[in-house]
PDB file of N, CA and C in Angstrom:
ATOM      1  N   UNK A   1       0.847  -1.177   0.000  1.00  0.00           N
ATOM      2  CA  UNK A   1       0.000   0.000   0.000  1.00  0.00           C
ATOM      3  C   UNK A   1       0.892   1.240   0.000  1.00  0.00           C
ATOM      4  N   UNK A   2       0.551   2.199  -0.814  1.00  0.00           N
ATOM      5  CA  UNK A   2       1.310   3.440  -0.908  1.00  0.00           C
ATOM      6  C   UNK A   2       0.786   4.447   0.108  1.00  0.00           C
ATOM      7  N   UNK A   3       1.699   5.139   0.781  1.00  0.00           N
ATOM      8  CA  UNK A   3       1.307   6.150   1.773  1.00  0.00           C
ATOM      9  C   UNK A   3       0.712   7.367   1.058  1.00  0.00           C
ATOM     10  N   UNK A   4      -0.253   7.973   1.684  1.00  0.00           N
ATOM     11  CA  UNK A   4      -0.874   9.189   1.156  1.00  0.00           C
ATOM     12  C   UNK A   4      -0.283  10.379   1.889  1.00  0.00           C
ATOM     13  N   UNK A   5       0.216  11.329   1.123  1.00  0.00           N
ATOM     14  CA  UNK A   5       0.782  12.533   1.729  1.00  0.00           C
ATOM     15  C   UNK A   5      -0.359  13.530   1.949  1.00  0.00           C
ATOM     16  N   UNK A   6      -0.611  13.855   3.195  1.00  0.00           N
ATOM     17  CA  UNK A   6      -1.677  14.807   3.525  1.00  0.00           C
ATOM     18  C   UNK A   6      -1.092  16.182   3.773  1.00  0.00           C
ATOM     19  N   UNK A   7      -1.770  17.179   3.289  1.00  0.00           N
ATOM     20  CA  UNK A   7      -1.365  18.558   3.554  1.00  0.00           C
ATOM     21  C   UNK A   7      -2.000  19.003   4.875  1.00  0.00           C
ATOM     22  N   UNK A   8      -1.240  19.654   5.737  1.00  0.00           N
ATOM     23  CA  UNK A   8      -1.862  20.134   6.974  1.00  0.00           C
ATOM     24  C   UNK A   8      -2.789  21.318   6.697  1.00  0.00           C
ATOM     25  N   UNK A   9      -3.813  21.444   7.525  1.00  0.00           N
ATOM     26  CA  UNK A   9      -4.704  22.608   7.476  1.00  0.00           C
ATOM     27  C   UNK A   9      -4.247  23.599   8.528  1.00  0.00           C
ATOM     28  N   UNK A  10      -4.058  24.832   8.127  1.00  0.00           N
ATOM     29  CA  UNK A  10      -3.673  25.898   9.050  1.00  0.00           C
ATOM     30  C   UNK A  10      -4.848  26.873   9.106  1.00  0.00           C
ATOM     31  N   UNK A  11      -5.374  27.155  10.296  1.00  0.00           N
ATOM     32  CA  UNK A  11      -6.486  28.107  10.395  1.00  0.00           C
ATOM     33  C   UNK A  11      -5.987  29.536  10.203  1.00  0.00           C
ATOM     34  N   UNK A  12      -6.785  30.343   9.543  1.00  0.00           N
ATOM     35  CA  UNK A  12      -6.392  31.726   9.270  1.00  0.00           C
ATOM     36  C   UNK A  12      -6.648  32.650  10.449  1.00  0.00           C
ATOM     37  N   UNK A  13      -7.489  32.231  11.375  1.00  0.00           N
ATOM     38  CA  UNK A  13      -7.896  33.147  12.439  1.00  0.00           C
ATOM     39  C   UNK A  13      -9.018  34.043  11.937  1.00  0.00           C
ATOM     40  N   UNK A  14      -9.181  35.173  12.577  1.00  0.00           N
ATOM     41  CA  UNK A  14     -10.299  36.068  12.251  1.00  0.00           C
ATOM     42  C   UNK A  14     -10.160  36.752  10.897  1.00  0.00           C
ATOM     43  N   UNK A  15      -8.921  36.916  10.395  1.00  0.00           N
ATOM     44  CA  UNK A  15      -8.706  37.700   9.179  1.00  0.00           C
ATOM     45  C   UNK A  15      -7.979  36.864   8.119  1.00  0.00           C
ATOM     46  N   UNK A  16      -8.753  36.222   7.271  1.00  0.00           N
ATOM     47  CA  UNK A  16      -8.220  35.337   6.226  1.00  0.00           C
ATOM     48  C   UNK A  16      -7.325  36.107   5.249  1.00  0.00           C
ATOM     49  N   UNK A  17      -7.744  37.289   4.828  1.00  0.00           N
ATOM     50  CA  UNK A  17      -6.964  38.083   3.873  1.00  0.00           C
ATOM     51  C   UNK A  17      -5.607  38.471   4.470  1.00  0.00           C
ATOM     52  N   UNK A  18      -5.594  38.857   5.734  1.00  0.00           N
ATOM     53  CA  UNK A  18      -4.350  39.201   6.427  1.00  0.00           C
ATOM     54  C   UNK A  18      -3.425  37.991   6.487  1.00  0.00           C
ATOM     55  N   UNK A  19      -3.984  36.823   6.817  1.00  0.00           N
ATOM     56  CA  UNK A  19      -3.183  35.599   6.880  1.00  0.00           C
ATOM     57  C   UNK A  19      -2.589  35.271   5.520  1.00  0.00           C
ATOM     58  N   UNK A  20      -3.377  35.410   4.453  1.00  0.00           N
ATOM     59  CA  UNK A  20      -2.854  35.142   3.109  1.00  0.00           C
ATOM     60  C   UNK A  20      -1.698  36.084   2.774  1.00  0.00           C
ATOM     61  N   UNK A  21      -1.868  37.374   3.049  1.00  0.00           N
ATOM     62  CA  UNK A  21      -0.789  38.340   2.774  1.00  0.00           C
ATOM     63  C   UNK A  21       0.465  38.007   3.578  1.00  0.00           C
ATOM     64  N   UNK A  22       0.276  37.614   4.844  1.00  0.00           N
ATOM     65  CA  UNK A  22       1.406  37.278   5.707  1.00  0.00           C
ATOM     66  C   UNK A  22       2.206  36.116   5.120  1.00  0.00           C
ATOM     67  N   UNK A  23       1.544  35.043   4.730  1.00  0.00           N
ATOM     68  CA  UNK A  23       2.263  33.890   4.202  1.00  0.00           C
ATOM     69  C   UNK A  23       2.919  34.185   2.859  1.00  0.00           C
ATOM     70  N   UNK A  24       2.294  35.026   2.042  1.00  0.00           N
ATOM     71  CA  UNK A  24       2.931  35.428   0.787  1.00  0.00           C
ATOM     72  C   UNK A  24       4.172  36.265   1.071  1.00  0.00           C
ATOM     73  N   UNK A  25       4.079  37.178   2.033  1.00  0.00           N
ATOM     74  CA  UNK A  25       5.226  38.009   2.382  1.00  0.00           C
ATOM     75  C   UNK A  25       6.341  37.176   3.009  1.00  0.00           C
ATOM     76  N   UNK A  26       5.970  36.111   3.683  1.00  0.00           N
ATOM     77  CA  UNK A  26       6.949  35.207   4.289  1.00  0.00           C
ATOM     78  C   UNK A  26       7.680  34.382   3.228  1.00  0.00           C
ATOM     79  N   UNK A  27       7.165  34.386   1.996  1.00  0.00           N
ATOM     80  CA  UNK A  27       7.853  33.712   0.897  1.00  0.00           C
ATOM     81  C   UNK A  27       7.174  32.457   0.391  1.00  0.00           C
ATOM     82  N   UNK A  28       5.996  32.150   0.925  1.00  0.00           N
ATOM     83  CA  UNK A  28       5.254  31.003   0.410  1.00  0.00           C
ATOM     84  C   UNK A  28       4.603  31.381  -0.913  1.00  0.00           C
ATOM     85  N   UNK A  29       4.539  30.421  -1.810  1.00  0.00           N
ATOM     86  CA  UNK A  29       3.870  30.622  -3.095  1.00  0.00           C
ATOM     87  C   UNK A  29       2.422  30.158  -2.961  1.00  0.00           C
ATOM     88  N   UNK A  30       1.502  31.036  -3.348  1.00  0.00           N
ATOM     89  CA  UNK A  30       0.089  30.662  -3.274  1.00  0.00           C
ATOM     90  C   UNK A  30      -0.303  29.950  -4.555  1.00  0.00           C
ATOM     91  N   UNK A  31      -0.896  28.775  -4.390  1.00  0.00           N
ATOM     92  CA  UNK A  31      -1.393  28.020  -5.530  1.00  0.00           C
ATOM     93  C   UNK A  31      -2.893  28.207  -5.627  1.00  0.00           C
ATOM     94  N   UNK A  32      -3.609  27.129  -5.596  1.00  0.00           N
ATOM     95  CA  UNK A  32      -5.068  27.136  -5.654  1.00  0.00           C
ATOM     96  C   UNK A  32      -5.631  28.017  -4.536  1.00  0.00           C
ATOM     97  N   UNK A  33      -6.682  28.782  -4.869  1.00  0.00           N
ATOM     98  CA  UNK A  33      -7.352  29.593  -3.854  1.00  0.00           C
ATOM     99  C   UNK A  33      -8.806  29.783  -4.272  1.00  0.00           C
ATOM    100  N   UNK A  34      -9.732  29.413  -3.367  1.00  0.00           N
ATOM    101  CA  UNK A  34     -11.149  29.565  -3.661  1.00  0.00           C
ATOM    102  C   UNK A  34     -11.956  29.419  -2.382  1.00  0.00           C
ATOM    103  N   UNK A  35     -12.900  30.285  -2.185  1.00  0.00           N
ATOM    104  CA  UNK A  35     -13.882  30.182  -1.100  1.00  0.00           C
ATOM    105  C   UNK A  35     -13.282  29.887   0.273  1.00  0.00           C
ATOM    106  N   UNK A  36     -12.288  30.676   0.668  1.00  0.00           N
ATOM    107  CA  UNK A  36     -11.741  30.514   2.006  1.00  0.00           C
ATOM    108  C   UNK A  36     -10.798  29.356   2.181  1.00  0.00           C
ATOM    109  N   UNK A  37     -10.215  28.877   1.086  1.00  0.00           N
ATOM    110  CA  UNK A  37      -9.249  27.783   1.159  1.00  0.00           C
ATOM    111  C   UNK A  37      -8.161  28.048   0.120  1.00  0.00           C
ATOM    112  N   UNK A  38      -6.905  28.090   0.582  1.00  0.00           N
ATOM    113  CA  UNK A  38      -5.777  28.328  -0.322  1.00  0.00           C
ATOM    114  C   UNK A  38      -4.666  27.339  -0.024  1.00  0.00           C
ATOM    115  N   UNK A  39      -3.945  26.947  -1.070  1.00  0.00           N
ATOM    116  CA  UNK A  39      -2.760  26.117  -0.896  1.00  0.00           C
ATOM    117  C   UNK A  39      -1.541  27.023  -0.949  1.00  0.00           C
ATOM    118  N   UNK A  40      -0.651  26.853   0.017  1.00  0.00           N
ATOM    119  CA  UNK A  40       0.622  27.571   0.029  1.00  0.00           C
ATOM    120  C   UNK A  40       1.752  26.558  -0.025  1.00  0.00           C
ATOM    121  N   UNK A  41       2.805  26.898  -0.785  1.00  0.00           N
ATOM    122  CA  UNK A  41       3.943  26.000  -0.962  1.00  0.00           C
ATOM    123  C   UNK A  41       5.253  26.713  -0.677  1.00  0.00           C
ATOM    124  N   UNK A  42       6.196  25.924  -0.151  1.00  0.00           N
ATOM    125  CA  UNK A  42       7.585  26.356  -0.009  1.00  0.00           C
ATOM    126  C   UNK A  42       8.418  25.124  -0.305  1.00  0.00           C
ATOM    127  N   UNK A  43       9.024  25.102  -1.473  1.00  0.00           N
ATOM    128  CA  UNK A  43       9.763  23.911  -1.879  1.00  0.00           C
ATOM    129  C   UNK A  43       8.817  22.731  -1.984  1.00  0.00           C
ATOM    130  N   UNK A  44       9.131  21.654  -1.275  1.00  0.00           N
ATOM    131  CA  UNK A  44       8.301  20.446  -1.314  1.00  0.00           C
ATOM    132  C   UNK A  44       7.210  20.455  -0.247  1.00  0.00           C
ATOM    133  N   UNK A  45       7.242  21.438   0.628  1.00  0.00           N
ATOM    134  CA  UNK A  45       6.268  21.497   1.714  1.00  0.00           C
ATOM    135  C   UNK A  45       5.079  22.358   1.301  1.00  0.00           C
ATOM    136  N   UNK A  46       3.906  21.948   1.718  1.00  0.00           N
ATOM    137  CA  UNK A  46       2.712  22.728   1.399  1.00  0.00           C
ATOM    138  C   UNK A  46       1.661  22.530   2.481  1.00  0.00           C
ATOM    139  N   UNK A  47       0.765  23.503   2.546  1.00  0.00           N
ATOM    140  CA  UNK A  47      -0.330  23.412   3.504  1.00  0.00           C
ATOM    141  C   UNK A  47      -1.542  24.139   2.954  1.00  0.00           C
ATOM    142  N   UNK A  48      -2.707  23.793   3.504  1.00  0.00           N
ATOM    143  CA  UNK A  48      -3.937  24.509   3.203  1.00  0.00           C
ATOM    144  C   UNK A  48      -4.123  25.594   4.248  1.00  0.00           C
ATOM    145  N   UNK A  49      -4.373  26.807   3.813  1.00  0.00           N
ATOM    146  CA  UNK A  49      -4.805  27.863   4.713  1.00  0.00           C
ATOM    147  C   UNK A  49      -6.319  27.903   4.615  1.00  0.00           C
ATOM    148  N   UNK A  50      -6.973  27.727   5.743  1.00  0.00           N
ATOM    149  CA  UNK A  50      -8.429  27.655   5.758  1.00  0.00           C
ATOM    150  C   UNK A  50      -9.003  28.847   6.510  1.00  0.00           C
ATOM    151  N   UNK A  51     -10.040  29.447   5.952  1.00  0.00           N
ATOM    152  CA  UNK A  51     -10.721  30.556   6.599  1.00  0.00           C
ATOM    153  C   UNK A  51     -11.504  29.994   7.785  1.00  0.00           C
ATOM    154  N   UNK A  52     -10.818  29.902   8.915  1.00  0.00           N
ATOM    155  CA  UNK A  52     -11.387  29.250  10.090  1.00  0.00           C
ATOM    156  C   UNK A  52     -10.841  29.924  11.330  1.00  0.00           C
ATOM    157  N   UNK A  53     -11.716  30.154  12.291  1.00  0.00           N
ATOM    158  CA  UNK A  53     -11.297  30.794  13.538  1.00  0.00           C
ATOM    159  C   UNK A  53     -11.817  29.990  14.722  1.00  0.00           C
ATOM    160  N   UNK A  54     -10.883  29.435  15.471  1.00  0.00           N
ATOM    161  CA  UNK A  54     -11.180  28.745  16.723  1.00  0.00           C
ATOM    162  C   UNK A  54      -9.955  28.971  17.592  1.00  0.00           C
ATOM    163  N   UNK A  55     -10.021  29.972  18.435  1.00  0.00           N
ATOM    164  CA  UNK A  55      -8.851  30.421  19.181  1.00  0.00           C
ATOM    165  C   UNK A  55      -8.206  29.301  20.005  1.00  0.00           C
ATOM    166  N   UNK A  56      -9.002  28.467  20.624  1.00  0.00           N
ATOM    167  CA  UNK A  56      -8.428  27.388  21.436  1.00  0.00           C
ATOM    168  C   UNK A  56      -7.620  26.427  20.564  1.00  0.00           C
ATOM    169  N   UNK A  57      -8.173  26.045  19.427  1.00  0.00           N
ATOM    170  CA  UNK A  57      -7.465  25.138  18.528  1.00  0.00           C
ATOM    171  C   UNK A  57      -6.204  25.801  17.980  1.00  0.00           C
ATOM    172  N   UNK A  58      -6.313  27.046  17.574  1.00  0.00           N
ATOM    173  CA  UNK A  58      -5.176  27.764  17.001  1.00  0.00           C
ATOM    174  C   UNK A  58      -4.031  27.858  18.000  1.00  0.00           C
ATOM    175  N   UNK A  59      -4.336  28.114  19.252  1.00  0.00           N
ATOM    176  CA  UNK A  59      -3.288  28.287  20.252  1.00  0.00           C
ATOM    177  C   UNK A  59      -2.712  26.957  20.723  1.00  0.00           C
ATOM    178  N   UNK A  60      -3.301  25.839  20.336  1.00  0.00           N
ATOM    179  CA  UNK A  60      -2.786  24.519  20.695  1.00  0.00           C
ATOM    180  C   UNK A  60      -2.205  23.779  19.500  1.00  0.00           C
ATOM    181  N   UNK A  61      -2.033  24.479  18.384  1.00  0.00           N
ATOM    182  CA  UNK A  61      -1.520  23.869  17.160  1.00  0.00           C
ATOM    183  C   UNK A  61      -0.059  24.257  16.976  1.00  0.00           C
ATOM    184  N   UNK A  62       0.777  23.294  16.616  1.00  0.00           N
ATOM    185  CA  UNK A  62       2.177  23.564  16.317  1.00  0.00           C
ATOM    186  C   UNK A  62       2.487  22.987  14.941  1.00  0.00           C
ATOM    187  N   UNK A  63       3.174  23.763  14.131  1.00  0.00           N
ATOM    188  CA  UNK A  63       3.541  23.348  12.781  1.00  0.00           C
ATOM    189  C   UNK A  63       5.066  23.336  12.691  1.00  0.00           C
ATOM    190  N   UNK A  64       5.609  22.290  12.087  1.00  0.00           N
ATOM    191  CA  UNK A  64       7.050  22.219  11.853  1.00  0.00           C
ATOM    192  C   UNK A  64       7.316  22.506  10.379  1.00  0.00           C
ATOM    193  N   UNK A  65       8.288  23.373  10.139  1.00  0.00           N
ATOM    194  CA  UNK A  65       8.662  23.753   8.778  1.00  0.00           C
ATOM    195  C   UNK A  65      10.172  23.667   8.670  1.00  0.00           C
ATOM    196  N   UNK A  66      10.666  23.101   7.581  1.00  0.00           N
ATOM    197  CA  UNK A  66      12.098  23.076   7.320  1.00  0.00           C
ATOM    198  C   UNK A  66      12.399  23.998   6.142  1.00  0.00           C
ATOM    199  N   UNK A  67      13.452  24.784   6.292  1.00  0.00           N
ATOM    200  CA  UNK A  67      13.880  25.708   5.240  1.00  0.00           C
ATOM    201  C   UNK A  67      15.334  25.416   4.895  1.00  0.00           C
ATOM    202  N   UNK A  68      15.754  25.848   3.722  1.00  0.00           N
ATOM    203  CA  UNK A  68      17.132  25.603   3.295  1.00  0.00           C
ATOM    204  C   UNK A  68      18.130  26.435   4.083  1.00  0.00           C
ATOM    205  N   UNK A  69      17.770  27.671   4.405  1.00  0.00           N
ATOM    206  CA  UNK A  69      18.693  28.553   5.125  1.00  0.00           C
ATOM    207  C   UNK A  69      17.931  29.248   6.250  1.00  0.00           C
ATOM    208  N   UNK A  70      18.191  28.825   7.478  1.00  0.00           N
ATOM    209  CA  UNK A  70      17.461  29.359   8.627  1.00  0.00           C
ATOM    210  C   UNK A  70      17.775  30.831   8.871  1.00  0.00           C
ATOM    211  N   UNK A  71      19.018  31.246   8.650  1.00  0.00           N
ATOM    212  CA  UNK A  71      19.382  32.649   8.878  1.00  0.00           C
ATOM    213  C   UNK A  71      18.671  33.580   7.904  1.00  0.00           C
ATOM    214  N   UNK A  72      18.595  33.168   6.634  1.00  0.00           N
ATOM    215  CA  UNK A  72      17.858  33.980   5.652  1.00  0.00           C
ATOM    216  C   UNK A  72      16.380  34.056   6.022  1.00  0.00           C
ATOM    217  N   UNK A  73      15.825  32.929   6.449  1.00  0.00           N
ATOM    218  CA  UNK A  73      14.422  32.894   6.864  1.00  0.00           C
ATOM    219  C   UNK A  73      14.205  33.838   8.039  1.00  0.00           C
ATOM    220  N   UNK A  74      15.123  33.806   9.021  1.00  0.00           N
ATOM    221  CA  UNK A  74      14.999  34.681  10.187  1.00  0.00           C
ATOM    222  C   UNK A  74      15.033  36.155   9.775  1.00  0.00           C
ATOM    223  N   UNK A  75      15.929  36.513   8.865  1.00  0.00           N
ATOM    224  CA  UNK A  75      16.006  37.910   8.422  1.00  0.00           C
ATOM    225  C   UNK A  75      14.669  38.364   7.845  1.00  0.00           C
ATOM    226  N   UNK A  76      14.061  37.519   7.045  1.00  0.00           N
ATOM    227  CA  UNK A  76      12.767  37.845   6.452  1.00  0.00           C
ATOM    228  C   UNK A  76      11.690  37.986   7.535  1.00  0.00           C
ATOM    229  N   UNK A  77      11.666  37.052   8.488  1.00  0.00           N
ATOM    230  CA  UNK A  77      10.690  37.120   9.580  1.00  0.00           C
ATOM    231  C   UNK A  77      10.903  38.380  10.410  1.00  0.00           C
ATOM    232  N   UNK A  78      12.156  38.704  10.696  1.00  0.00           N
ATOM    233  CA  UNK A  78      12.468  39.875  11.515  1.00  0.00           C
ATOM    234  C   UNK A  78      11.989  41.165  10.846  1.00  0.00           C
ATOM    235  N   UNK A  79      12.199  41.277   9.541  1.00  0.00           N
ATOM    236  CA  UNK A  79      11.729  42.464   8.802  1.00  0.00           C
ATOM    237  C   UNK A  79      10.204  42.557   8.875  1.00  0.00           C
ATOM    238  N   UNK A  80       9.532  41.423   8.675  1.00  0.00           N
ATOM    239  CA  UNK A  80       8.063  41.403   8.725  1.00  0.00           C
ATOM    240  C   UNK A  80       7.577  41.765  10.133  1.00  0.00           C
ATOM    241  N   UNK A  81       8.226  41.201  11.160  1.00  0.00           N
ATOM    242  CA  UNK A  81       7.823  41.476  12.544  1.00  0.00           C
ATOM    243  C   UNK A  81       7.991  42.960  12.880  1.00  0.00           C
ATOM    244  N   UNK A  82       9.094  43.550  12.439  1.00  0.00           N
ATOM    245  CA  UNK A  82       9.371  44.966  12.740  1.00  0.00           C
ATOM    246  C   UNK A  82       8.475  45.910  11.962  1.00  0.00           C
ATOM    247  N   UNK A  83       7.875  45.434  10.872  1.00  0.00           N
ATOM    248  CA  UNK A  83       6.994  46.300  10.074  1.00  0.00           C
ATOM    249  C   UNK A  83       5.731  46.676  10.840  1.00  0.00           C
ATOM    250  N   UNK A  84       5.328  45.815  11.779  1.00  0.00           N
ATOM    251  CA  UNK A  84       4.123  46.087  12.557  1.00  0.00           C
ATOM    252  C   UNK A  84       2.825  45.839  11.803  1.00  0.00           C
ATOM    253  N   UNK A  85       2.905  45.273  10.600  1.00  0.00           N
ATOM    254  CA  UNK A  85       1.702  45.038   9.799  1.00  0.00           C
ATOM    255  C   UNK A  85       0.929  43.796  10.231  1.00  0.00           C
ATOM    256  N   UNK A  86       1.611  42.897  10.934  1.00  0.00           N
ATOM    257  CA  UNK A  86       0.991  41.619  11.306  1.00  0.00           C
ATOM    258  C   UNK A  86       1.164  41.372  12.804  1.00  0.00           C
ATOM    259  N   UNK A  87       0.131  40.856  13.453  1.00  0.00           N
ATOM    260  CA  UNK A  87       0.249  40.528  14.880  1.00  0.00           C
ATOM    261  C   UNK A  87       0.972  39.196  15.062  1.00  0.00           C
ATOM    262  N   UNK A  88       2.305  39.255  15.018  1.00  0.00           N
ATOM    263  CA  UNK A  88       3.098  38.035  15.167  1.00  0.00           C
ATOM    264  C   UNK A  88       4.106  38.209  16.296  1.00  0.00           C
ATOM    265  N   UNK A  89       4.589  37.063  16.790  1.00  0.00           N
ATOM    266  CA  UNK A  89       5.689  37.061  17.751  1.00  0.00           C
ATOM    267  C   UNK A  89       6.741  36.110  17.195  1.00  0.00           C
ATOM    268  N   UNK A  90       8.002  36.493  17.317  1.00  0.00           N
ATOM    269  CA  UNK A  90       9.066  35.649  16.771  1.00  0.00           C
ATOM    270  C   UNK A  90      10.290  35.701  17.674  1.00  0.00           C
ATOM    271  N   UNK A  91      10.953  34.556  17.798  1.00  0.00           N
ATOM    272  CA  UNK A  91      12.207  34.452  18.540  1.00  0.00           C
ATOM    273  C   UNK A  91      13.304  34.097  17.562  1.00  0.00           C
ATOM    274  N   UNK A  92      14.419  34.803  17.675  1.00  0.00           N
ATOM    275  CA  UNK A  92      15.545  34.552  16.778  1.00  0.00           C
ATOM    276  C   UNK A  92      16.052  33.120  16.919  1.00  0.00           C
ATOM    277  N   UNK A  93      16.853  32.673  15.945  1.00  0.00           N
ATOM    278  CA  UNK A  93      17.335  31.288  15.979  1.00  0.00           C
ATOM    279  C   UNK A  93      18.044  30.950  17.286  1.00  0.00           C
ATOM    280  N   UNK A  94      17.687  29.783  17.830  1.00  0.00           N
ATOM    281  CA  UNK A  94      18.309  29.294  19.058  1.00  0.00           C
ATOM    282  C   UNK A  94      18.584  27.804  18.914  1.00  0.00           C
ATOM    283  N   UNK A  95      19.599  27.337  19.634  1.00  0.00           N
ATOM    284  CA  UNK A  95      19.880  25.906  19.704  1.00  0.00           C
ATOM    285  C   UNK A  95      19.072  25.334  20.857  1.00  0.00           C
ATOM    286  N   UNK A  96      18.302  24.288  20.586  1.00  0.00           N
ATOM    287  CA  UNK A  96      17.432  23.696  21.598  1.00  0.00           C
ATOM    288  C   UNK A  96      17.951  22.333  22.037  1.00  0.00           C
ATOM    289  N   UNK A  97      17.585  21.907  23.267  1.00  0.00           N
ATOM    290  CA  UNK A  97      18.080  20.641  23.812  1.00  0.00           C
ATOM    291  C   UNK A  97      17.736  19.423  22.953  1.00  0.00           C
ATOM    292  N   UNK A  98      16.713  19.513  22.132  1.00  0.00           N
ATOM    293  CA  UNK A  98      16.338  18.363  21.297  1.00  0.00           C
ATOM    294  C   UNK A  98      17.199  18.271  20.041  1.00  0.00           C
ATOM    295  N   UNK A  99      18.276  19.074  19.995  1.00  0.00           N
ATOM    296  CA  UNK A  99      19.268  18.930  18.940  1.00  0.00           C
ATOM    297  C   UNK A  99      19.011  19.725  17.676  1.00  0.00           C
ATOM    298  N   UNK A 100      18.078  20.645  17.715  1.00  0.00           N
ATOM    299  CA  UNK A 100      17.799  21.448  16.525  1.00  0.00           C
ATOM    300  C   UNK A 100      18.011  22.928  16.824  1.00  0.00           C
ATOM    301  N   UNK A 101      18.408  23.628  15.807  1.00  0.00           N
ATOM    302  CA  UNK A 101      18.449  25.089  15.849  1.00  0.00           C
ATOM    303  C   UNK A 101      17.164  25.541  15.172  1.00  0.00           C
ATOM    304  N   UNK A 102      16.360  26.320  15.889  1.00  0.00           N
ATOM    305  CA  UNK A 102      15.036  26.683  15.379  1.00  0.00           C
ATOM    306  C   UNK A 102      14.717  28.150  15.603  1.00  0.00           C
ATOM    307  N   UNK A 103      13.838  28.640  14.756  1.00  0.00           N
ATOM    308  CA  UNK A 103      13.154  29.916  14.947  1.00  0.00           C
ATOM    309  C   UNK A 103      11.744  29.557  15.368  1.00  0.00           C
ATOM    310  N   UNK A 104      11.245  30.215  16.391  1.00  0.00           N
ATOM    311  CA  UNK A 104       9.853  30.007  16.795  1.00  0.00           C
ATOM    312  C   UNK A 104       9.064  31.254  16.417  1.00  0.00           C
ATOM    313  N   UNK A 105       7.956  31.021  15.751  1.00  0.00           N
ATOM    314  CA  UNK A 105       7.117  32.099  15.245  1.00  0.00           C
ATOM    315  C   UNK A 105       5.675  31.798  15.601  1.00  0.00           C
ATOM    316  N   UNK A 106       4.969  32.791  16.104  1.00  0.00           N
ATOM    317  CA  UNK A 106       3.528  32.672  16.304  1.00  0.00           C
ATOM    318  C   UNK A 106       2.884  33.551  15.245  1.00  0.00           C
ATOM    319  N   UNK A 107       2.122  32.915  14.339  1.00  0.00           N
ATOM    320  CA  UNK A 107       1.565  33.619  13.189  1.00  0.00           C
ATOM    321  C   UNK A 107       0.353  34.482  13.588  1.00  0.00           C
ATOM    322  N   UNK A 108      -0.236  35.221  12.652  1.00  0.00           N
ATOM    323  CA  UNK A 108      -1.355  36.108  12.997  1.00  0.00           C
ATOM    324  C   UNK A 108      -2.551  35.405  13.635  1.00  0.00           C
ATOM    325  N   UNK A 109      -2.737  34.111  13.396  1.00  0.00           N
ATOM    326  CA  UNK A 109      -3.866  33.381  13.989  1.00  0.00           C
ATOM    327  C   UNK A 109      -3.526  32.794  15.358  1.00  0.00           C
ATOM    328  N   UNK A 110      -2.251  32.884  15.763  1.00  0.00           N
ATOM    329  CA  UNK A 110      -1.842  32.318  17.040  1.00  0.00           C
ATOM    330  C   UNK A 110      -1.265  30.926  16.946  1.00  0.00           C
ATOM    331  N   UNK A 111      -1.024  30.445  15.718  1.00  0.00           N
ATOM    332  CA  UNK A 111      -0.437  29.118  15.509  1.00  0.00           C
ATOM    333  C   UNK A 111       1.080  29.222  15.678  1.00  0.00           C
ATOM    334  N   UNK A 112       1.666  28.284  16.417  1.00  0.00           N
ATOM    335  CA  UNK A 112       3.104  28.270  16.677  1.00  0.00           C
ATOM    336  C   UNK A 112       3.822  27.474  15.590  1.00  0.00           C
ATOM    337  N   UNK A 113       4.832  28.080  14.989  1.00  0.00           N
ATOM    338  CA  UNK A 113       5.645  27.431  13.961  1.00  0.00           C
ATOM    339  C   UNK A 113       7.042  27.205  14.526  1.00  0.00           C
ATOM    340  N   UNK A 114       7.557  25.979  14.376  1.00  0.00           N
ATOM    341  CA  UNK A 114       8.940  25.666  14.692  1.00  0.00           C
ATOM    342  C   UNK A 114       9.657  25.511  13.346  1.00  0.00           C
ATOM    343  N   UNK A 115      10.533  26.444  13.054  1.00  0.00           N
ATOM    344  CA  UNK A 115      11.200  26.462  11.751  1.00  0.00           C
ATOM    345  C   UNK A 115      12.656  26.068  11.953  1.00  0.00           C
ATOM    346  N   UNK A 116      13.077  25.031  11.233  1.00  0.00           N
ATOM    347  CA  UNK A 116      14.465  24.565  11.348  1.00  0.00           C
ATOM    348  C   UNK A 116      15.062  24.449   9.954  1.00  0.00           C
ATOM    349  N   UNK A 117      16.371  24.262   9.924  1.00  0.00           N
ATOM    350  CA  UNK A 117      17.071  24.147   8.654  1.00  0.00           C
ATOM    351  C   UNK A 117      17.105  22.695   8.213  1.00  0.00           C
ATOM    352  N   UNK A 118      16.919  22.463   6.899  1.00  0.00           N
ATOM    353  CA  UNK A 118      17.007  21.087   6.395  1.00  0.00           C
ATOM    354  C   UNK A 118      18.417  20.569   6.621  1.00  0.00           C
ATOM    355  N   UNK A 119      18.497  19.270   6.739  1.00  0.00           N
ATOM    356  CA  UNK A 119      19.806  18.654   7.034  1.00  0.00           C
ATOM    357  C   UNK A 119      20.611  18.467   5.792  1.00  0.00           C
TER     358      UNK A 119
END
């Protein structure tokens, strides 16, 4: 039996348009988009952004993302965070006890992203 690759669903929070702009500015490529559902891609990774707001679920969701260059990714996140256009929180790259160097980002919907560099 062949495994099925499922795309994760990421809730947009209260402002779907703001979430879409944020992910595009972060460097994701928007593919299909219709009626409150969009596909975003970065390399081989992709997810559905869904026009959905459930604060409890959003604040208990964690997404892992791997990027080719963590420092470049951090620079982009830092510029976006300093712009003040999006309600996000971000921590610069740190080495964690679980053996990864990661950037932690809380997106406009309150979803926590752990971003690490591909091996």
